[in-house]
Protein backbone atom coordinates (compact mmCIF):
# COMPACT_ATOMS: atom_id res chain seq x y z
CA MET A 1 -85.91 -70.01 45.31
CA GLU A 2 -86.62 -66.63 46.88
CA ASN A 3 -86.20 -63.45 44.92
CA ILE A 4 -83.08 -61.44 45.61
CA LEU A 5 -84.69 -58.20 44.41
CA GLN A 6 -88.35 -57.37 43.89
CA PHE A 7 -89.95 -54.10 42.78
CA GLN A 8 -93.72 -53.75 43.00
CA GLY A 9 -95.36 -50.67 41.44
CA ILE A 10 -92.30 -48.47 41.98
CA SER A 11 -92.57 -44.89 40.75
CA LYS A 12 -90.20 -41.98 41.32
CA SER A 13 -90.68 -38.34 40.41
CA TYR A 14 -88.37 -35.36 40.64
CA GLY A 15 -90.79 -32.46 40.64
CA SER A 16 -92.82 -32.80 37.44
CA LYS A 17 -90.34 -35.23 35.87
CA LYS A 18 -91.19 -38.92 36.19
CA ALA A 19 -87.97 -40.94 36.44
CA LEU A 20 -89.71 -44.31 37.02
CA GLN A 21 -93.32 -45.24 36.28
CA ASP A 22 -95.02 -48.24 37.90
CA VAL A 23 -91.96 -50.51 37.70
CA THR A 24 -92.60 -54.15 38.66
CA PHE A 25 -90.13 -57.02 38.30
CA SER A 26 -88.31 -59.69 40.32
CA ILE A 27 -84.86 -61.27 40.04
CA GLY A 28 -83.74 -64.59 41.51
CA ALA A 29 -80.33 -65.65 42.84
CA GLY A 30 -77.30 -66.81 40.89
CA LYS A 31 -77.65 -64.43 37.95
CA ILE A 32 -75.77 -61.67 36.20
CA VAL A 33 -78.48 -59.32 34.96
CA GLY A 34 -78.16 -56.48 32.48
CA LEU A 35 -80.23 -53.37 33.23
CA LEU A 36 -80.18 -51.85 29.78
CA GLY A 37 -81.37 -48.51 28.51
CA THR A 38 -80.23 -45.28 26.94
CA ASN A 39 -78.96 -42.38 29.04
CA GLY A 40 -81.80 -40.87 31.08
CA SER A 41 -83.97 -44.01 30.91
CA GLY A 42 -84.11 -44.46 34.70
CA LYS A 43 -81.32 -47.00 35.28
CA SER A 44 -79.44 -45.06 37.97
CA THR A 45 -82.66 -44.08 39.77
CA LEU A 46 -83.73 -47.73 39.89
CA MET A 47 -80.35 -48.76 41.29
CA LYS A 48 -80.33 -46.03 43.93
CA ILE A 49 -83.79 -47.10 45.13
CA ALA A 50 -82.63 -50.74 45.33
CA ALA A 51 -79.55 -49.62 47.27
CA GLY A 52 -81.68 -47.61 49.71
CA LEU A 53 -80.04 -44.33 48.75
CA ILE A 54 -83.26 -42.64 47.63
CA GLN A 55 -86.91 -43.35 48.39
CA ALA A 56 -89.52 -44.24 45.82
CA SER A 57 -92.52 -41.93 45.43
CA ALA A 58 -94.78 -45.00 45.33
CA GLY A 59 -94.53 -48.78 45.49
CA THR A 60 -92.42 -51.24 47.48
CA ALA A 61 -88.93 -52.67 46.96
CA THR A 62 -87.52 -55.69 48.80
CA VAL A 63 -84.15 -57.44 48.95
CA THR A 64 -84.41 -61.14 49.97
CA GLY A 65 -87.94 -60.35 51.12
CA VAL A 66 -86.84 -57.49 53.41
CA GLN A 67 -88.21 -54.05 52.62
CA VAL A 68 -85.45 -51.75 51.40
CA GLY A 69 -84.18 -49.59 54.24
CA LEU A 70 -81.58 -49.75 57.01
CA GLU A 71 -81.89 -53.54 57.31
CA THR A 72 -80.97 -54.10 53.66
CA LYS A 73 -77.82 -51.94 53.68
CA SER A 74 -75.79 -55.00 54.68
CA LEU A 75 -77.33 -57.06 51.86
CA VAL A 76 -76.52 -54.69 49.00
CA SER A 77 -73.15 -53.60 47.59
CA PHE A 78 -73.49 -50.59 45.29
CA MET A 79 -70.83 -49.39 42.87
CA PRO A 80 -71.95 -45.92 41.72
CA ASP A 81 -70.93 -44.38 38.41
CA ARG A 82 -68.58 -42.04 40.31
CA PRO A 83 -65.72 -43.30 42.52
CA LEU A 84 -66.22 -43.35 46.31
CA THR A 85 -62.48 -43.22 46.97
CA GLU A 86 -60.54 -40.00 47.71
CA SER A 87 -57.62 -38.84 45.58
CA TRP A 88 -55.24 -38.72 48.58
CA MET A 89 -55.71 -42.43 49.23
CA LYS A 90 -53.42 -45.22 48.21
CA VAL A 91 -55.06 -48.47 47.11
CA ARG A 92 -54.39 -50.00 50.54
CA ASP A 93 -56.11 -47.00 52.20
CA ALA A 94 -59.19 -47.60 50.07
CA ILE A 95 -59.19 -51.27 51.11
CA GLN A 96 -58.87 -50.29 54.78
CA PHE A 97 -61.64 -47.70 54.42
CA TYR A 98 -64.05 -50.35 53.10
CA LYS A 99 -62.91 -52.85 55.74
CA ASP A 100 -63.63 -50.33 58.51
CA PHE A 101 -66.95 -49.27 57.03
CA TYR A 102 -68.41 -52.66 56.02
CA SER A 103 -68.38 -55.58 58.46
CA ASP A 104 -68.91 -58.01 55.55
CA PHE A 105 -65.79 -56.86 53.68
CA ASP A 106 -63.60 -59.86 52.78
CA SER A 107 -59.94 -58.79 52.91
CA GLU A 108 -58.70 -62.06 51.42
CA LYS A 109 -61.07 -61.74 48.47
CA ALA A 110 -59.93 -58.14 48.04
CA ARG A 111 -56.29 -59.24 47.85
CA ARG A 112 -57.14 -61.89 45.25
CA MET A 113 -59.06 -59.33 43.22
CA LEU A 114 -56.20 -56.81 43.36
CA ASP A 115 -53.85 -59.50 42.01
CA PHE A 116 -56.32 -60.40 39.27
CA MET A 117 -56.73 -56.71 38.35
CA ASN A 118 -52.96 -56.03 38.41
CA LEU A 119 -53.41 -53.37 41.08
CA ASN A 120 -50.65 -52.52 43.56
CA GLU A 121 -51.62 -51.63 47.14
CA ARG A 122 -48.94 -48.92 47.17
CA ASP A 123 -50.35 -47.09 44.14
CA ARG A 124 -51.95 -43.72 44.80
CA VAL A 125 -55.56 -43.43 43.62
CA SER A 126 -54.84 -40.04 42.00
CA THR A 127 -52.25 -41.63 39.67
CA LEU A 128 -54.51 -44.45 38.42
CA SER A 129 -55.84 -44.32 34.88
CA LYS A 130 -59.63 -44.31 34.44
CA GLY A 131 -59.53 -48.00 33.57
CA MET A 132 -57.41 -48.91 36.61
CA ASN A 133 -59.65 -46.79 38.84
CA GLU A 134 -62.70 -48.68 37.54
CA ARG A 135 -60.89 -51.93 38.37
CA LEU A 136 -60.32 -50.66 41.92
CA GLN A 137 -63.95 -49.59 42.40
CA LEU A 138 -65.14 -52.98 41.20
CA SER A 139 -62.69 -54.79 43.49
CA LEU A 140 -64.02 -52.83 46.46
CA ALA A 141 -67.67 -53.48 45.59
CA LEU A 142 -67.28 -57.21 44.89
CA SER A 143 -65.14 -57.85 47.98
CA ARG A 144 -68.17 -57.43 50.20
CA ASN A 145 -70.13 -60.59 51.03
CA ALA A 146 -73.45 -59.18 49.87
CA LYS A 147 -76.56 -60.75 48.36
CA LEU A 148 -77.07 -58.10 45.70
CA TYR A 149 -74.35 -56.27 43.77
CA LEU A 150 -75.40 -53.17 41.86
CA LEU A 151 -72.83 -51.95 39.34
CA ASP A 152 -73.74 -48.64 37.70
CA GLU A 153 -71.97 -48.25 34.33
CA PRO A 154 -68.83 -50.20 35.39
CA ILE A 155 -67.26 -50.05 31.91
CA GLY A 156 -68.30 -46.53 30.97
CA GLY A 157 -65.48 -44.62 29.27
CA VAL A 158 -62.70 -47.20 29.76
CA ASP A 159 -60.54 -48.79 27.09
CA PRO A 160 -61.22 -52.26 25.62
CA VAL A 161 -58.44 -53.92 27.65
CA ALA A 162 -59.89 -52.60 30.92
CA ARG A 163 -63.40 -53.61 29.83
CA THR A 164 -62.32 -57.19 29.22
CA LYS A 165 -60.56 -57.37 32.59
CA ILE A 166 -63.55 -55.90 34.43
CA LEU A 167 -66.02 -58.31 32.80
CA ASP A 168 -63.76 -61.30 33.48
CA ALA A 169 -63.50 -60.24 37.13
CA ILE A 170 -67.28 -60.00 37.52
CA VAL A 171 -67.71 -63.56 36.24
CA GLU A 172 -64.75 -64.85 38.28
CA PHE A 173 -65.55 -63.30 41.65
CA TYR A 174 -69.31 -63.02 42.07
CA SER A 175 -70.92 -65.58 44.38
CA GLU A 176 -73.51 -67.89 42.84
CA ASP A 177 -75.94 -67.47 45.74
CA SER A 178 -75.98 -63.73 45.06
CA THR A 179 -77.04 -61.64 42.07
CA VAL A 180 -75.24 -58.96 40.09
CA ILE A 181 -77.16 -56.22 38.27
CA ILE A 182 -75.15 -54.17 35.79
CA SER A 183 -76.55 -51.00 34.25
CA THR A 184 -75.11 -50.00 30.89
CA HIS A 185 -75.88 -48.71 27.42
CA LEU A 186 -72.69 -50.35 26.02
CA VAL A 187 -74.49 -53.58 25.25
CA ARG A 188 -72.26 -55.16 22.63
CA ASP A 189 -69.19 -55.10 24.88
CA ILE A 190 -70.87 -56.74 27.84
CA GLU A 191 -73.71 -58.98 26.64
CA ARG A 192 -71.55 -62.14 26.76
CA ILE A 193 -71.74 -62.28 30.57
CA PHE A 194 -75.51 -61.72 30.98
CA ASP A 195 -77.88 -64.49 32.09
CA GLU A 196 -80.91 -62.19 31.92
CA VAL A 197 -81.70 -58.70 30.66
CA ILE A 198 -84.15 -55.98 31.64
CA PHE A 199 -84.83 -53.20 29.13
CA ILE A 200 -85.91 -49.89 30.64
CA LYS A 201 -87.21 -47.06 28.46
CA ASN A 202 -88.55 -43.69 29.61
CA GLY A 203 -88.80 -44.98 33.18
CA SER A 204 -90.77 -48.13 32.35
CA ILE A 205 -89.76 -51.78 31.97
CA VAL A 206 -90.39 -52.83 28.37
CA MET A 207 -88.79 -56.29 28.47
CA GLN A 208 -87.39 -58.82 30.96
CA GLU A 209 -86.03 -61.99 29.44
CA GLU A 210 -83.50 -64.76 29.94
CA VAL A 211 -80.77 -64.28 27.32
CA GLU A 212 -81.14 -67.86 26.05
CA ASP A 213 -84.91 -67.44 25.68
CA LEU A 214 -84.34 -64.16 23.85
CA ARG A 215 -82.20 -65.92 21.28
CA ILE A 216 -84.67 -68.81 20.88
CA ARG A 217 -87.87 -66.72 20.73
CA HIS A 218 -86.61 -63.76 18.73
CA GLY A 219 -83.59 -65.22 16.97
CA LYS A 220 -81.51 -62.26 18.10
CA GLY A 221 -78.69 -61.45 20.47
CA VAL A 222 -79.04 -58.86 23.19
CA ASP A 223 -77.38 -56.06 21.22
CA ASP A 224 -79.61 -56.54 18.16
CA MET A 225 -82.71 -56.66 20.38
CA PHE A 226 -81.56 -53.53 22.20
CA LYS A 227 -81.19 -51.65 18.91
CA GLU A 228 -84.68 -52.73 17.85
CA VAL A 229 -86.36 -51.75 21.13
CA PHE A 230 -84.60 -48.41 21.42
CA ALA A 231 -84.68 -47.37 17.78
CA GLU A 232 -86.20 -43.94 17.36
């Protein structure tokens, strides 16, 4: 099976600061992958390179074998850590905006996701709680028929009820011939949905492991392993 995402020798610097250092890994299809690290470890930079939003300083990145660039924009759906919607919009305006902007946007899937998330198309974005807004952003991102879904901190700062709903929606609505990568440092809340994890520390990959293999080889869950790897 071909790799959905592959990084080969990727480095990224901002002036004298190295955000990523010689990052190499590959991810196959049909997986929910945790990209795990503390704040400032390089998670968002890695995601933005995969999404084609910023260029690497060195190395190559491919999505389904295609070098990241204009051609891969239609293959990747990116949910940034800040909303893309405008406060004046109603939920239905946000849906229409995505439908107009992305030819692969699936309106029927969006409607099913809104129902699942208990979102009303008539609600104004500015009146949504942080948790409901996160549900909307996720609905928009997952309603595209992409090969790679990149979710940057999708449960950051939301209440436990919203977290549960968001995680259930990811499992329910992602396509098994695609891959979802979720960046987070809130490991305990989210580890139940991961098939595979990648630990990133100071801009370098320190571990990539199937969750089941992690438990067998190390006798630990993801959260316990995370605490061990990132202990000061």
